[in-house]
Amino acid sequence: MTARILVVDDDTAIAEMIGIVLKGEGFEPHFSYDGASAIDMFSSVKPDLVLLDVMLPGIDGIQVCTRI
């Protein structure tokens, strides 16, 4: 079973680099670029791990963490 990892970062270049590394290590990365969509994706993807940026536009990472 491949572990699913939700990468939440508003900087798409950083998220993409993290995704490349994760894929290379055999993980299945999923991406979200803001807090609101991260909460929705958490419910649908059911990730094994969330890599969460704290400083996000709108709903920040602390609020996302509290809600998930």
PDB file of N, CA and C in Angstrom:
ATOM      1  N   MET A   1       0.843  -1.182   0.000  1.00  0.00           N
ATOM      2  CA  MET A   1       0.000   0.000   0.000  1.00  0.00           C
ATOM      3  C   MET A   1       0.886   1.241   0.000  1.00  0.00           C
ATOM      4  N   THR A   2       0.639   2.151  -0.918  1.00  0.00           N
ATOM      5  CA  THR A   2       1.401   3.384  -1.025  1.00  0.00           C
ATOM      6  C   THR A   2       0.811   4.436  -0.093  1.00  0.00           C
ATOM      7  N   ALA A   3       1.652   5.051   0.712  1.00  0.00           N
ATOM      8  CA  ALA A   3       1.189   6.093   1.633  1.00  0.00           C
ATOM      9  C   ALA A   3       0.822   7.345   0.846  1.00  0.00           C
ATOM     10  N   ARG A   4      -0.334   7.905   1.195  1.00  0.00           N
ATOM     11  CA  ARG A   4      -0.792   9.148   0.584  1.00  0.00           C
ATOM     12  C   ARG A   4      -0.357  10.319   1.461  1.00  0.00           C
ATOM     13  N   ILE A   5       0.217  11.343   0.832  1.00  0.00           N
ATOM     14  CA  ILE A   5       0.676  12.521   1.567  1.00  0.00           C
ATOM     15  C   ILE A   5       0.040  13.746   0.944  1.00  0.00           C
ATOM     16  N   LEU A   6      -0.630  14.538   1.780  1.00  0.00           N
ATOM     17  CA  LEU A   6      -1.234  15.783   1.335  1.00  0.00           C
ATOM     18  C   LEU A   6      -0.240  16.913   1.582  1.00  0.00           C
ATOM     19  N   VAL A   7       0.191  17.560   0.514  1.00  0.00           N
ATOM     20  CA  VAL A   7       1.133  18.679   0.590  1.00  0.00           C
ATOM     21  C   VAL A   7       0.315  19.962   0.453  1.00  0.00           C
ATOM     22  N   VAL A   8       0.358  20.804   1.493  1.00  0.00           N
ATOM     23  CA  VAL A   8      -0.401  22.055   1.490  1.00  0.00           C
ATOM     24  C   VAL A   8       0.585  23.213   1.547  1.00  0.00           C
ATOM     25  N   ASP A   9       0.697  23.938   0.443  1.00  0.00           N
ATOM     26  CA  ASP A   9       1.600  25.084   0.372  1.00  0.00           C
ATOM     27  C   ASP A   9       1.114  26.023  -0.719  1.00  0.00           C
ATOM     28  N   ASP A  10       1.070  27.317  -0.425  1.00  0.00           N
ATOM     29  CA  ASP A  10       0.618  28.284  -1.430  1.00  0.00           C
ATOM     30  C   ASP A  10       1.694  28.605  -2.454  1.00  0.00           C
ATOM     31  N   ASP A  11       2.913  28.183  -2.211  1.00  0.00           N
ATOM     32  CA  ASP A  11       4.000  28.362  -3.182  1.00  0.00           C
ATOM     33  C   ASP A  11       4.051  27.096  -4.050  1.00  0.00           C
ATOM     34  N   THR A  12       3.543  27.186  -5.264  1.00  0.00           N
ATOM     35  CA  THR A  12       3.432  26.004  -6.113  1.00  0.00           C
ATOM     36  C   THR A  12       4.785  25.392  -6.459  1.00  0.00           C
ATOM     37  N   ALA A  13       5.827  26.220  -6.557  1.00  0.00           N
ATOM     38  CA  ALA A  13       7.161  25.685  -6.873  1.00  0.00           C
ATOM     39  C   ALA A  13       7.662  24.798  -5.740  1.00  0.00           C
ATOM     40  N   ILE A  14       7.459  25.234  -4.509  1.00  0.00           N
ATOM     41  CA  ILE A  14       7.886  24.423  -3.359  1.00  0.00           C
ATOM     42  C   ILE A  14       7.081  23.131  -3.303  1.00  0.00           C
ATOM     43  N   ALA A  15       5.769  23.237  -3.480  1.00  0.00           N
ATOM     44  CA  ALA A  15       4.916  22.044  -3.445  1.00  0.00           C
ATOM     45  C   ALA A  15       5.334  21.050  -4.525  1.00  0.00           C
ATOM     46  N   GLU A  16       5.646  21.566  -5.709  1.00  0.00           N
ATOM     47  CA  GLU A  16       6.063  20.704  -6.812  1.00  0.00           C
ATOM     48  C   GLU A  16       7.384  19.994  -6.503  1.00  0.00           C
ATOM     49  N   MET A  17       8.336  20.722  -5.930  1.00  0.00           N
ATOM     50  CA  MET A  17       9.620  20.096  -5.561  1.00  0.00           C
ATOM     51  C   MET A  17       9.424  19.014  -4.504  1.00  0.00           C
ATOM     52  N   ILE A  18       8.582  19.288  -3.518  1.00  0.00           N
ATOM     53  CA  ILE A  18       8.296  18.287  -2.485  1.00  0.00           C
ATOM     54  C   ILE A  18       7.649  17.064  -3.125  1.00  0.00           C
ATOM     55  N   GLY A  19       6.739  17.291  -4.060  1.00  0.00           N
ATOM     56  CA  GLY A  19       6.071  16.185  -4.748  1.00  0.00           C
ATOM     57  C   GLY A  19       7.035  15.315  -5.528  1.00  0.00           C
ATOM     58  N   ILE A  20       8.006  15.931  -6.184  1.00  0.00           N
ATOM     59  CA  ILE A  20       9.008  15.170  -6.940  1.00  0.00           C
ATOM     60  C   ILE A  20       9.793  14.255  -6.006  1.00  0.00           C
ATOM     61  N   VAL A  21      10.194  14.789  -4.872  1.00  0.00           N
ATOM     62  CA  VAL A  21      10.950  13.993  -3.894  1.00  0.00           C
ATOM     63  C   VAL A  21      10.081  12.861  -3.353  1.00  0.00           C
ATOM     64  N   LEU A  22       8.831  13.177  -3.014  1.00  0.00           N
ATOM     65  CA  LEU A  22       7.938  12.152  -2.472  1.00  0.00           C
ATOM     66  C   LEU A  22       7.684  11.032  -3.475  1.00  0.00           C
ATOM     67  N   LYS A  23       7.428  11.389  -4.739  1.00  0.00           N
ATOM     68  CA  LYS A  23       7.217  10.364  -5.769  1.00  0.00           C
ATOM     69  C   LYS A  23       8.456   9.495  -5.927  1.00  0.00           C
ATOM     70  N   GLY A  24       9.630  10.128  -5.873  1.00  0.00           N
ATOM     71  CA  GLY A  24      10.884   9.384  -5.987  1.00  0.00           C
ATOM     72  C   GLY A  24      11.087   8.387  -4.865  1.00  0.00           C
ATOM     73  N   GLU A  25      10.489   8.690  -3.710  1.00  0.00           N
ATOM     74  CA  GLU A  25      10.594   7.787  -2.562  1.00  0.00           C
ATOM     75  C   GLU A  25       9.435   6.797  -2.482  1.00  0.00           C
ATOM     76  N   GLY A  26       8.555   6.835  -3.480  1.00  0.00           N
ATOM     77  CA  GLY A  26       7.471   5.851  -3.541  1.00  0.00           C
ATOM     78  C   GLY A  26       6.168   6.272  -2.891  1.00  0.00           C
ATOM     79  N   PHE A  27       6.019   7.547  -2.539  1.00  0.00           N
ATOM     80  CA  PHE A  27       4.784   8.024  -1.928  1.00  0.00           C
ATOM     81  C   PHE A  27       3.840   8.561  -2.995  1.00  0.00           C
ATOM     82  N   GLU A  28       2.595   8.741  -2.626  1.00  0.00           N
ATOM     83  CA  GLU A  28       1.572   9.279  -3.520  1.00  0.00           C
ATOM     84  C   GLU A  28       1.187  10.682  -3.032  1.00  0.00           C
ATOM     85  N   PRO A  29       1.795  11.719  -3.605  1.00  0.00           N
ATOM     86  CA  PRO A  29       1.477  13.075  -3.136  1.00  0.00           C
ATOM     87  C   PRO A  29       0.189  13.621  -3.752  1.00  0.00           C
ATOM     88  N   HIS A  30      -0.525  14.386  -2.947  1.00  0.00           N
ATOM     89  CA  HIS A  30      -1.696  15.140  -3.383  1.00  0.00           C
ATOM     90  C   HIS A  30      -1.432  16.578  -2.972  1.00  0.00           C
ATOM     91  N   PHE A  31      -1.974  17.530  -3.707  1.00  0.00           N
ATOM     92  CA  PHE A  31      -1.610  18.928  -3.492  1.00  0.00           C
ATOM     93  C   PHE A  31      -2.816  19.805  -3.241  1.00  0.00           C
ATOM     94  N   SER A  32      -2.612  20.761  -2.355  1.00  0.00           N
ATOM     95  CA  SER A  32      -3.592  21.802  -2.086  1.00  0.00           C
ATOM     96  C   SER A  32      -2.810  23.096  -1.894  1.00  0.00           C
ATOM     97  N   TYR A  33      -3.376  24.196  -2.363  1.00  0.00           N
ATOM     98  CA  TYR A  33      -2.638  25.456  -2.354  1.00  0.00           C
ATOM     99  C   TYR A  33      -3.258  26.528  -1.452  1.00  0.00           C
ATOM    100  N   ASP A  34      -4.303  26.164  -0.715  1.00  0.00           N
ATOM    101  CA  ASP A  34      -4.872  27.081   0.275  1.00  0.00           C
ATOM    102  C   ASP A  34      -5.568  26.267   1.363  1.00  0.00           C
ATOM    103  N   GLY A  35      -5.883  26.937   2.460  1.00  0.00           N
ATOM    104  CA  GLY A  35      -6.434  26.233   3.616  1.00  0.00           C
ATOM    105  C   GLY A  35      -7.790  25.608   3.384  1.00  0.00           C
ATOM    106  N   ALA A  36      -8.681  26.337   2.713  1.00  0.00           N
ATOM    107  CA  ALA A  36     -10.036  25.825   2.504  1.00  0.00           C
ATOM    108  C   ALA A  36     -10.030  24.540   1.677  1.00  0.00           C
ATOM    109  N   SER A  37      -9.256  24.526   0.600  1.00  0.00           N
ATOM    110  CA  SER A  37      -9.213  23.311  -0.216  1.00  0.00           C
ATOM    111  C   SER A  37      -8.472  22.187   0.496  1.00  0.00           C
ATOM    112  N   ALA A  38      -7.542  22.528   1.383  1.00  0.00           N
ATOM    113  CA  ALA A  38      -6.841  21.492   2.156  1.00  0.00           C
ATOM    114  C   ALA A  38      -7.807  20.727   3.050  1.00  0.00           C
ATOM    115  N   ILE A  39      -8.738  21.460   3.657  1.00  0.00           N
ATOM    116  CA  ILE A  39      -9.734  20.808   4.521  1.00  0.00           C
ATOM    117  C   ILE A  39     -10.605  19.870   3.690  1.00  0.00           C
ATOM    118  N   ASP A  40     -11.039  20.331   2.519  1.00  0.00           N
ATOM    119  CA  ASP A  40     -11.849  19.476   1.632  1.00  0.00           C
ATOM    120  C   ASP A  40     -11.062  18.254   1.165  1.00  0.00           C
ATOM    121  N   MET A  41      -9.816  18.470   0.759  1.00  0.00           N
ATOM    122  CA  MET A  41      -8.990  17.360   0.262  1.00  0.00           C
ATOM    123  C   MET A  41      -8.685  16.350   1.365  1.00  0.00           C
ATOM    124  N   PHE A  42      -8.522  16.829   2.593  1.00  0.00           N
ATOM    125  CA  PHE A  42      -8.255  15.916   3.707  1.00  0.00           C
ATOM    126  C   PHE A  42      -9.383  14.899   3.820  1.00  0.00           C
ATOM    127  N   SER A  43     -10.609  15.375   3.666  1.00  0.00           N
ATOM    128  CA  SER A  43     -11.763  14.475   3.767  1.00  0.00           C
ATOM    129  C   SER A  43     -11.836  13.494   2.603  1.00  0.00           C
ATOM    130  N   SER A  44     -11.505  13.952   1.404  1.00  0.00           N
ATOM    131  CA  SER A  44     -11.640  13.081   0.235  1.00  0.00           C
ATOM    132  C   SER A  44     -10.433  12.163   0.031  1.00  0.00           C
ATOM    133  N   VAL A  45      -9.229  12.664   0.280  1.00  0.00           N
ATOM    134  CA  VAL A  45      -8.005  11.884   0.037  1.00  0.00           C
ATOM    135  C   VAL A  45      -7.710  10.923   1.187  1.00  0.00           C
ATOM    136  N   LYS A  46      -8.050  11.326   2.403  1.00  0.00           N
ATOM    137  CA  LYS A  46      -7.737  10.558   3.618  1.00  0.00           C
ATOM    138  C   LYS A  46      -6.240  10.218   3.672  1.00  0.00           C
ATOM    139  N   PRO A  47      -5.405  11.272   3.728  1.00  0.00           N
ATOM    140  CA  PRO A  47      -3.955  11.057   3.667  1.00  0.00           C
ATOM    141  C   PRO A  47      -3.407  10.406   4.932  1.00  0.00           C
ATOM    142  N   ASP A  48      -2.271   9.768   4.773  1.00  0.00           N
ATOM    143  CA  ASP A  48      -1.565   9.187   5.907  1.00  0.00           C
ATOM    144  C   ASP A  48      -0.737  10.246   6.628  1.00  0.00           C
ATOM    145  N   LEU A  49      -0.397  11.314   5.907  1.00  0.00           N
ATOM    146  CA  LEU A  49       0.429  12.392   6.452  1.00  0.00           C
ATOM    147  C   LEU A  49       0.064  13.689   5.750  1.00  0.00           C
ATOM    148  N   VAL A  50       0.102  14.806   6.494  1.00  0.00           N
ATOM    149  CA  VAL A  50      -0.126  16.123   5.909  1.00  0.00           C
ATOM    150  C   VAL A  50       1.118  16.963   6.137  1.00  0.00           C
ATOM    151  N   LEU A  51       1.691  17.485   5.060  1.00  0.00           N
ATOM    152  CA  LEU A  51       2.784  18.458   5.150  1.00  0.00           C
ATOM    153  C   LEU A  51       2.126  19.814   4.953  1.00  0.00           C
ATOM    154  N   LEU A  52       2.068  20.607   6.021  1.00  0.00           N
ATOM    155  CA  LEU A  52       1.215  21.784   6.064  1.00  0.00           C
ATOM    156  C   LEU A  52       2.016  23.046   6.319  1.00  0.00           C
ATOM    157  N   ASP A  53       1.930  23.980   5.382  1.00  0.00           N
ATOM    158  CA  ASP A  53       2.531  25.301   5.548  1.00  0.00           C
ATOM    159  C   ASP A  53       1.686  26.069   6.562  1.00  0.00           C
ATOM    160  N   VAL A  54       2.328  26.781   7.471  1.00  0.00           N
ATOM    161  CA  VAL A  54       1.593  27.527   8.493  1.00  0.00           C
ATOM    162  C   VAL A  54       1.035  28.832   7.929  1.00  0.00           C
ATOM    163  N   MET A  55       1.801  29.497   7.092  1.00  0.00           N
ATOM    164  CA  MET A  55       1.385  30.802   6.570  1.00  0.00           C
ATOM    165  C   MET A  55       0.709  30.639   5.211  1.00  0.00           C
ATOM    166  N   LEU A  56      -0.608  30.442   5.245  1.00  0.00           N
ATOM    167  CA  LEU A  56      -1.417  30.280   4.040  1.00  0.00           C
ATOM    168  C   LEU A  56      -2.374  31.462   3.914  1.00  0.00           C
ATOM    169  N   PRO A  57      -2.767  31.802   2.710  1.00  0.00           N
ATOM    170  CA  PRO A  57      -3.775  32.856   2.560  1.00  0.00           C
ATOM    171  C   PRO A  57      -5.142  32.356   3.015  1.00  0.00           C
ATOM    172  N   GLY A  58      -5.945  33.245   3.553  1.00  0.00           N
ATOM    173  CA  GLY A  58      -7.280  32.852   4.021  1.00  0.00           C
ATOM    174  C   GLY A  58      -7.176  32.085   5.327  1.00  0.00           C
ATOM    175  N   ILE A  59      -7.539  30.841   5.293  1.00  0.00           N
ATOM    176  CA  ILE A  59      -7.446  29.982   6.480  1.00  0.00           C
ATOM    177  C   ILE A  59      -6.000  29.562   6.633  1.00  0.00           C
ATOM    178  N   ASP A  60      -5.359  29.952   7.745  1.00  0.00           N
ATOM    179  CA  ASP A  60      -3.937  29.627   7.911  1.00  0.00           C
ATOM    180  C   ASP A  60      -3.743  28.179   8.354  1.00  0.00           C
ATOM    181  N   GLY A  61      -2.492  27.741   8.358  1.00  0.00           N
ATOM    182  CA  GLY A  61      -2.169  26.354   8.662  1.00  0.00           C
ATOM    183  C   GLY A  61      -2.591  25.898  10.045  1.00  0.00           C
ATOM    184  N   ILE A  62      -2.533  26.805  11.029  1.00  0.00           N
ATOM    185  CA  ILE A  62      -2.957  26.452  12.390  1.00  0.00           C
ATOM    186  C   ILE A  62      -4.453  26.156  12.404  1.00  0.00           C
ATOM    187  N   GLN A  63      -5.240  26.981  11.725  1.00  0.00           N
ATOM    188  CA  GLN A  63      -6.676  26.755  11.651  1.00  0.00           C
ATOM    189  C   GLN A  63      -6.992  25.464  10.885  1.00  0.00           C
ATOM    190  N   VAL A  64      -6.247  25.215   9.831  1.00  0.00           N
ATOM    191  CA  VAL A  64      -6.446  23.968   9.069  1.00  0.00           C
ATOM    192  C   VAL A  64      -6.175  22.771   9.978  1.00  0.00           C
ATOM    193  N   CYS A  65      -5.077  22.820  10.698  1.00  0.00           N
ATOM    194  CA  CYS A  65      -4.703  21.725  11.596  1.00  0.00           C
ATOM    195  C   CYS A  65      -5.797  21.496  12.647  1.00  0.00           C
ATOM    196  N   THR A  66      -6.320  22.563  13.191  1.00  0.00           N
ATOM    197  CA  THR A  66      -7.384  22.451  14.199  1.00  0.00           C
ATOM    198  C   THR A  66      -8.628  21.799  13.612  1.00  0.00           C
ATOM    199  N   ARG A  67      -8.967  22.175  12.388  1.00  0.00           N
ATOM    200  CA  ARG A  67     -10.202  21.651  11.760  1.00  0.00           C
ATOM    201  C   ARG A  67     -10.065  20.201  11.297  1.00  0.00           C
ATOM    202  N   ILE A  68      -8.865  19.798  10.895  1.00  0.00           N
ATOM    203  CA  ILE A  68      -8.754  18.411  10.437  1.00  0.00           C
ATOM    204  C   ILE A  68      -8.462  17.498  11.610  1.00  0.00           C
TER     205      ILE A  68
END
